[in-house]
Amino acid sequence: MKAFRNLRTLGILLLLVMAIGTAGFHYIEGWTWFDGFYMVITTLTTIGYQEVHPLSHAGRVFNVFVILAGVSLVLLGVGALSQALLEFELQSFFGRRRMEREIEHLDNHYIICGLGRVGRSVARELARKPVPFVIIESTESKRERYSTEKWLILAGDATQEQTLREAQIERAAGLIAATTTDATNLYIVLTARGMNAHLKIIARASEESAEKHLLTAGADAVVSPYSFAGQRIAQSLLRPNVVSFLDTATTHLGIDLEIGEIQVRDHSSFAGKTIESSRIRQERGVIILAIKRQQGMRFNPAPDERIEPDDCLIAMGEPAQLRRLELSAASKA
């Protein structure tokens, strides 16, 4: 903030004047260092005490410059401090209002409940995509710590219906219950499912026993960070090259590669064609790994496999290629 930078500059100049004033009284008048410092302090604060010792003509001339420079800097510093505090309050107020307006206009977005390690990881991944999302966090220190991330962060308790309404849960596409306690996540899932029956809900579970309760409460999927970490460590030992490949394809490590989902609509130009006749691999450089249908998953589909409306193509390629394929799959034949 410019006002704070100005305040810092004025502070440095004021310290410089104090040092020069102290040295001046010491060498011009022969006073001790403390007497010179005390004289500068009483002068700059305009207290009006009498002089520490009688001043010579040279000392009075020098003191005039100390008064003009020091008192001017003090007054400018008071003004800069007032301006900085006013700007901070105004920015904080208007920043909250702007955030509230942005949250009010959210649609087909995701709600992240909890700004812990799991919630932050989800937020960074959604921001990288990017897709719209809002975070609900009740702890002020966490909200302030990540205020520079330019995320939409709503202060409140995610277990309360009013807070979820403020996050526009009726228009949300999904919700992530990522608080640190299973009981809180369970209550969030129950409340959210009751407010939006079509909401995609993913819940975090610390204990294995909590998984079935979260699924019963209405979660579509449950993820246990500790169980996942254990499996990942074991796989890194047993199949390190496979893990390295999955890292590359799912977290953008190494080469620019990504695994994505391509939804085929009824009017899509790919609907009714085989994988070979669609020329997805030849013209777009994207590999179809699987086709997800209501009947199940078709892995490594054959070239003559027909692409049907409502199929979900699990494809691998560069991010830009996948975006273009996604647009083509949504366009009319």
Protein backbone atom coordinates (compact mmCIF):
# COMPACT_ATOMS: atom_id res chain seq x y z
CA MET A 1 0.00 0.00 0.00
CA LYS A 2 1.37 3.38 -1.03
CA ALA A 3 0.44 5.12 2.23
CA PHE A 4 2.39 2.57 4.28
CA ARG A 5 5.41 2.96 2.01
CA ASN A 6 5.27 6.73 2.51
CA LEU A 7 5.01 6.21 6.26
CA ARG A 8 8.10 4.02 6.24
CA THR A 9 10.05 6.63 4.26
CA LEU A 10 9.02 9.39 6.68
CA GLY A 11 10.06 7.22 9.60
CA ILE A 12 13.51 6.71 8.13
CA LEU A 13 13.90 10.46 7.50
CA LEU A 14 12.77 11.24 11.05
CA LEU A 15 15.35 8.84 12.50
CA LEU A 16 17.97 10.51 10.33
CA VAL A 17 17.02 13.97 11.64
CA MET A 18 17.19 12.69 15.23
CA ALA A 19 20.66 11.24 14.62
CA ILE A 20 21.91 14.44 12.97
CA GLY A 21 20.37 16.59 15.73
CA THR A 22 21.96 14.51 18.49
CA ALA A 23 25.37 14.64 16.78
CA GLY A 24 24.99 18.37 16.12
CA PHE A 25 24.36 19.31 19.75
CA HIS A 26 27.20 17.04 20.81
CA TYR A 27 29.80 18.60 18.50
CA ILE A 28 28.53 22.20 18.33
CA GLU A 29 27.68 22.68 22.01
CA GLY A 30 29.89 19.99 23.52
CA TRP A 31 26.94 18.29 25.26
CA THR A 32 26.84 14.63 26.16
CA TRP A 33 25.19 12.28 23.69
CA PHE A 34 22.21 11.79 25.98
CA ASP A 35 21.70 15.54 26.51
CA GLY A 36 21.76 16.05 22.73
CA PHE A 37 19.26 13.21 22.20
CA TYR A 38 17.00 14.55 24.97
CA MET A 39 17.06 18.00 23.37
CA VAL A 40 16.04 16.57 20.00
CA ILE A 41 13.16 14.60 21.55
CA THR A 42 11.75 17.60 23.43
CA THR A 43 12.09 19.71 20.27
CA LEU A 44 10.36 17.28 17.91
CA THR A 45 7.53 16.50 20.31
CA THR A 46 6.93 20.26 20.85
CA ILE A 47 6.57 19.68 24.60
CA GLY A 48 8.04 23.10 25.35
CA TYR A 49 10.54 22.26 28.08
CA GLN A 50 13.39 24.71 28.52
CA GLU A 51 16.70 24.05 26.83
CA VAL A 52 18.90 21.42 28.47
CA HIS A 53 21.80 23.90 28.51
CA PRO A 54 22.04 27.49 27.24
CA LEU A 55 22.56 27.50 23.49
CA SER A 56 25.21 29.45 21.63
CA HIS A 57 24.33 31.43 18.51
CA ALA A 58 25.52 28.56 16.31
CA GLY A 59 23.52 26.13 18.41
CA ARG A 60 20.34 28.20 18.00
CA VAL A 61 20.79 28.38 14.23
CA PHE A 62 21.27 24.63 14.13
CA ASN A 63 18.22 24.10 16.35
CA VAL A 64 16.07 26.12 13.92
CA PHE A 65 16.82 23.61 11.17
CA VAL A 66 16.14 20.71 13.55
CA ILE A 67 12.76 22.24 14.44
CA LEU A 68 11.75 22.91 10.82
CA ALA A 69 12.83 19.50 9.56
CA GLY A 70 11.78 17.39 12.53
CA VAL A 71 8.39 18.94 13.30
CA SER A 72 7.49 18.90 9.60
CA LEU A 73 8.31 15.19 9.38
CA VAL A 74 6.32 14.46 12.55
CA LEU A 75 3.25 16.23 11.16
CA LEU A 76 3.63 14.51 7.80
CA GLY A 77 4.00 11.19 9.62
CA VAL A 78 0.76 11.71 11.55
CA GLY A 79 -1.01 12.54 8.29
CA ALA A 80 0.45 9.51 6.51
CA LEU A 81 -0.52 7.22 9.40
CA SER A 82 -4.10 8.53 9.33
CA GLN A 83 -4.25 8.06 5.56
CA ALA A 84 -2.87 4.52 5.79
CA LEU A 85 -5.39 3.49 8.44
CA LEU A 86 -8.25 5.03 6.47
CA GLU A 87 -7.20 3.31 3.25
CA PHE A 88 -6.84 0.00 5.06
CA GLU A 89 -10.33 0.23 6.53
CA LEU A 90 -11.87 1.32 3.24
CA GLN A 91 -10.13 -1.42 1.27
CA SER A 92 -11.16 -4.00 3.83
CA PHE A 93 -14.80 -2.84 3.70
CA PHE A 94 -15.07 -2.57 -0.07
CA GLY A 95 -13.10 -5.82 -0.47
CA ARG A 96 -15.69 -7.65 1.64
CA ARG A 97 -18.54 -6.07 -0.30
CA ARG A 98 -16.97 -7.01 -3.64
CA MET A 99 -16.46 -10.59 -2.44
CA GLU A 100 -20.06 -10.81 -1.24
CA ARG A 101 -21.31 -9.62 -4.63
CA GLU A 102 -19.15 -12.16 -6.45
CA ILE A 103 -20.43 -14.97 -4.22
CA GLU A 104 -24.03 -13.88 -4.84
CA HIS A 105 -23.52 -14.29 -8.61
CA LEU A 106 -21.88 -17.73 -8.44
CA ASP A 107 -23.51 -20.47 -10.50
CA ASN A 108 -22.54 -24.10 -11.18
CA HIS A 109 -19.67 -23.65 -8.73
CA TYR A 110 -18.06 -25.71 -5.98
CA ILE A 111 -18.18 -25.15 -2.23
CA ILE A 112 -15.14 -26.10 -0.15
CA CYS A 113 -15.89 -26.46 3.56
CA GLY A 114 -12.69 -26.00 5.53
CA LEU A 115 -9.40 -24.28 4.75
CA GLY A 116 -7.11 -26.94 6.16
CA ARG A 117 -4.46 -28.83 4.20
CA VAL A 118 -7.01 -30.84 2.22
CA GLY A 119 -9.22 -27.83 1.54
CA ARG A 120 -6.26 -25.75 0.37
CA SER A 121 -5.11 -28.52 -1.99
CA VAL A 122 -8.59 -28.74 -3.49
CA ALA A 123 -8.75 -24.94 -3.86
CA ARG A 124 -5.39 -24.76 -5.65
CA GLU A 125 -6.41 -27.53 -8.05
CA LEU A 126 -9.75 -25.87 -8.85
CA ALA A 127 -8.04 -22.50 -9.29
CA ARG A 128 -5.56 -24.05 -11.71
CA LYS A 129 -8.35 -25.48 -13.88
CA PRO A 130 -9.92 -22.83 -13.42
CA VAL A 131 -13.48 -23.35 -12.17
CA PRO A 132 -15.52 -21.13 -9.85
CA PHE A 133 -15.51 -22.03 -6.16
CA VAL A 134 -16.07 -20.53 -2.73
CA ILE A 135 -14.47 -21.56 0.57
CA ILE A 136 -16.31 -21.58 3.89
CA GLU A 137 -14.02 -21.11 6.90
CA SER A 138 -14.94 -20.15 10.47
CA THR A 139 -11.41 -19.46 11.75
CA GLU A 140 -10.37 -15.84 11.21
CA SER A 141 -6.64 -16.54 11.34
CA LYS A 142 -6.90 -18.99 8.43
CA ARG A 143 -8.98 -16.56 6.39
CA GLU A 144 -6.43 -13.80 6.90
CA ARG A 145 -3.47 -16.10 6.18
CA TYR A 146 -4.78 -16.97 2.72
CA SER A 147 -6.46 -13.68 1.86
CA THR A 148 -3.71 -12.96 -0.70
CA GLU A 149 -4.67 -16.04 -2.76
CA LYS A 150 -7.59 -14.13 -4.34
CA TRP A 151 -9.98 -16.92 -3.40
CA LEU A 152 -13.60 -16.27 -2.47
CA ILE A 153 -13.62 -17.03 1.26
CA LEU A 154 -16.87 -16.85 3.21
CA ALA A 155 -16.75 -16.45 6.99
CA GLY A 156 -19.15 -18.79 8.71
CA ASP A 157 -20.00 -22.27 9.97
CA ALA A 158 -20.55 -24.73 7.12
CA THR A 159 -22.88 -26.83 9.29
CA GLN A 160 -25.41 -23.99 9.34
CA GLU A 161 -28.05 -23.73 6.61
CA GLN A 162 -27.76 -19.93 6.47
CA THR A 163 -24.04 -20.13 5.70
CA LEU A 164 -24.62 -22.66 2.94
CA ARG A 165 -27.34 -20.44 1.48
CA GLU A 166 -24.92 -17.53 1.45
CA ALA A 167 -22.56 -19.80 -0.52
CA GLN A 168 -25.39 -20.27 -3.06
CA ILE A 169 -25.71 -24.01 -2.44
CA GLU A 170 -28.93 -24.16 -4.46
CA ARG A 171 -26.96 -23.29 -7.63
CA ALA A 172 -23.76 -25.18 -6.75
CA ALA A 173 -22.42 -28.11 -8.79
CA GLY A 174 -20.59 -29.77 -5.92
CA LEU A 175 -19.50 -29.55 -2.29
CA ILE A 176 -16.34 -30.77 -0.56
CA ALA A 177 -16.61 -31.44 3.17
CA ALA A 178 -12.94 -31.10 4.11
CA THR A 179 -12.91 -30.06 7.76
CA THR A 180 -10.57 -31.84 10.17
CA THR A 181 -13.23 -33.75 12.12
CA ASP A 182 -15.46 -36.54 10.82
CA ALA A 183 -18.40 -35.43 12.96
CA THR A 184 -18.37 -31.95 11.43
CA ASN A 185 -18.09 -33.36 7.91
CA LEU A 186 -20.99 -35.72 8.63
CA TYR A 187 -23.19 -32.83 9.75
CA ILE A 188 -22.19 -30.78 6.70
CA VAL A 189 -23.10 -33.65 4.37
CA LEU A 190 -26.49 -34.13 6.05
CA THR A 191 -27.30 -30.43 5.87
CA ALA A 192 -26.08 -29.98 2.30
CA ARG A 193 -27.89 -33.05 0.97
CA GLY A 194 -31.13 -31.84 2.50
CA MET A 195 -30.75 -28.45 0.81
CA ASN A 196 -29.73 -29.71 -2.64
CA ALA A 197 -30.61 -33.26 -3.63
CA HIS A 198 -28.66 -33.07 -6.92
CA LEU A 199 -25.43 -31.77 -5.40
CA LYS A 200 -22.23 -33.76 -5.95
CA ILE A 201 -20.76 -34.21 -2.46
CA ILE A 202 -17.23 -35.42 -1.69
CA ALA A 203 -16.33 -35.89 1.98
CA ARG A 204 -13.03 -36.24 3.82
CA ALA A 205 -12.77 -39.02 6.40
CA SER A 206 -10.06 -39.39 9.02
CA GLU A 207 -11.25 -42.74 10.38
CA GLU A 208 -12.20 -45.77 8.27
CA SER A 209 -15.33 -46.27 10.35
CA ALA A 210 -16.61 -42.84 9.31
CA GLU A 211 -16.78 -43.72 5.60
CA LYS A 212 -20.02 -45.72 5.75
CA HIS A 213 -21.71 -43.03 7.87
CA LEU A 214 -20.75 -40.30 5.41
CA LEU A 215 -22.05 -42.36 2.49
CA THR A 216 -25.29 -43.03 4.37
CA ALA A 217 -25.64 -39.32 5.12
CA GLY A 218 -25.56 -38.52 1.40
CA ALA A 219 -21.95 -38.22 0.27
CA ASP A 220 -21.31 -39.45 -3.28
CA ALA A 221 -17.72 -40.33 -2.47
CA VAL A 222 -15.46 -40.42 0.58
CA VAL A 223 -11.71 -39.86 0.54
CA SER A 224 -9.39 -40.76 3.40
CA PRO A 225 -6.09 -38.83 3.16
CA TYR A 226 -4.30 -41.26 5.47
CA SER A 227 -5.46 -44.36 3.58
CA PHE A 228 -4.57 -42.73 0.27
CA ALA A 229 -1.13 -41.75 1.56
CA GLY A 230 -0.45 -45.31 2.71
CA GLN A 231 -1.43 -46.77 -0.65
CA ARG A 232 0.65 -44.15 -2.44
CA ILE A 233 3.75 -44.95 -0.41
CA ALA A 234 3.37 -48.66 -1.04
CA GLN A 235 2.85 -48.13 -4.78
CA SER A 236 5.88 -45.82 -4.94
CA LEU A 237 7.94 -48.72 -3.60
CA LEU A 238 6.37 -51.46 -5.75
CA ARG A 239 5.54 -49.61 -8.99
CA PRO A 240 7.54 -46.37 -9.04
CA ASN A 241 7.31 -45.87 -12.81
CA VAL A 242 3.53 -46.23 -12.80
CA VAL A 243 3.25 -43.68 -9.98
CA SER A 244 5.57 -41.34 -11.87
CA PHE A 245 3.37 -41.62 -14.96
CA LEU A 246 0.19 -40.93 -13.00
CA ASP A 247 1.85 -37.93 -11.37
CA THR A 248 2.72 -36.59 -14.79
CA ALA A 249 -0.78 -37.10 -16.12
CA THR A 250 -2.72 -35.83 -13.11
CA THR A 251 -0.57 -33.17 -11.45
CA HIS A 252 1.29 -31.57 -14.37
CA LEU A 253 4.72 -32.77 -13.29
CA GLY A 254 7.32 -33.25 -16.00
CA ILE A 255 5.87 -33.12 -19.52
CA ASP A 256 2.69 -31.19 -20.26
CA LEU A 257 0.21 -34.07 -20.05
CA GLU A 258 -3.24 -34.43 -18.59
CA ILE A 259 -6.02 -37.00 -18.24
CA GLY A 260 -9.44 -35.45 -18.67
CA GLU A 261 -13.13 -36.24 -19.11
CA ILE A 262 -14.89 -35.42 -22.38
CA GLN A 263 -18.69 -35.50 -22.20
CA VAL A 264 -20.41 -36.45 -25.47
CA ARG A 265 -23.74 -34.64 -25.89
CA ASP A 266 -26.73 -35.78 -27.94
CA HIS A 267 -25.94 -33.33 -30.74
CA SER A 268 -22.17 -33.91 -30.63
CA SER A 269 -20.26 -34.33 -33.87
CA PHE A 270 -18.75 -37.52 -32.39
CA ALA A 271 -22.05 -39.19 -31.48
CA GLY A 272 -22.66 -42.28 -33.60
CA LYS A 273 -19.11 -42.49 -34.94
CA THR A 274 -16.53 -45.09 -34.11
CA ILE A 275 -13.29 -44.11 -32.41
CA GLU A 276 -11.45 -44.67 -35.68
CA SER A 277 -13.85 -42.66 -37.85
CA SER A 278 -13.87 -39.78 -35.33
CA ARG A 279 -10.13 -39.39 -35.99
CA ILE A 280 -9.61 -38.09 -32.47
CA ARG A 281 -6.16 -39.65 -32.23
CA GLN A 282 -5.01 -38.70 -35.72
CA GLU A 283 -6.25 -35.12 -35.91
CA ARG A 284 -6.24 -34.01 -32.27
CA GLY A 285 -3.38 -36.02 -30.79
CA VAL A 286 -5.56 -37.34 -27.93
CA ILE A 287 -5.63 -40.96 -26.77
CA ILE A 288 -8.95 -42.47 -25.62
CA LEU A 289 -8.14 -44.57 -22.56
CA ALA A 290 -11.68 -45.60 -21.66
CA ILE A 291 -15.37 -44.89 -22.20
CA LYS A 292 -17.59 -44.44 -19.14
CA ARG A 293 -21.21 -45.48 -19.61
CA GLN A 294 -24.11 -46.25 -17.30
CA GLN A 295 -23.39 -49.96 -17.78
CA GLY A 296 -19.82 -49.52 -16.61
CA MET A 297 -16.34 -48.61 -17.81
CA ARG A 298 -14.94 -49.78 -21.16
CA PHE A 299 -11.13 -49.75 -20.86
CA ASN A 300 -8.90 -49.54 -23.93
CA PRO A 301 -11.82 -49.42 -26.39
CA ALA A 302 -11.26 -50.93 -29.84
CA PRO A 303 -11.06 -48.69 -32.96
CA ASP A 304 -14.49 -49.88 -34.08
CA GLU A 305 -16.07 -49.05 -30.70
CA ARG A 306 -19.02 -46.71 -31.33
CA ILE A 307 -19.25 -43.45 -29.41
CA GLU A 308 -22.79 -42.95 -28.13
CA PRO A 309 -24.55 -39.84 -26.77
CA ASP A 310 -24.01 -39.33 -23.02
CA ASP A 311 -20.73 -41.28 -23.15
CA CYS A 312 -17.87 -39.88 -21.12
CA LEU A 313 -14.53 -40.26 -22.85
CA ILE A 314 -11.53 -40.69 -20.55
CA ALA A 315 -8.82 -39.11 -22.68
CA MET A 316 -5.13 -38.31 -22.31
CA GLY A 317 -3.26 -35.52 -24.08
CA GLU A 318 -1.90 -32.04 -23.71
CA PRO A 319 -4.21 -29.63 -21.84
CA ALA A 320 -4.77 -27.45 -24.91
CA GLN A 321 -5.63 -30.50 -27.03
CA LEU A 322 -8.12 -31.71 -24.42
CA ARG A 323 -9.79 -28.28 -24.28
CA ARG A 324 -10.21 -28.27 -28.06
CA LEU A 325 -11.57 -31.82 -28.00
CA GLU A 326 -14.03 -30.83 -25.27
CA LEU A 327 -15.31 -27.97 -27.43
CA SER A 328 -15.60 -30.26 -30.46
CA ALA A 329 -17.51 -32.88 -28.45
CA ALA A 330 -20.01 -30.22 -27.38
CA SER A 331 -20.50 -28.78 -30.90
CA LYS A 332 -23.25 -29.92 -33.22
CA ALA A 333 -22.58 -32.40 -35.98
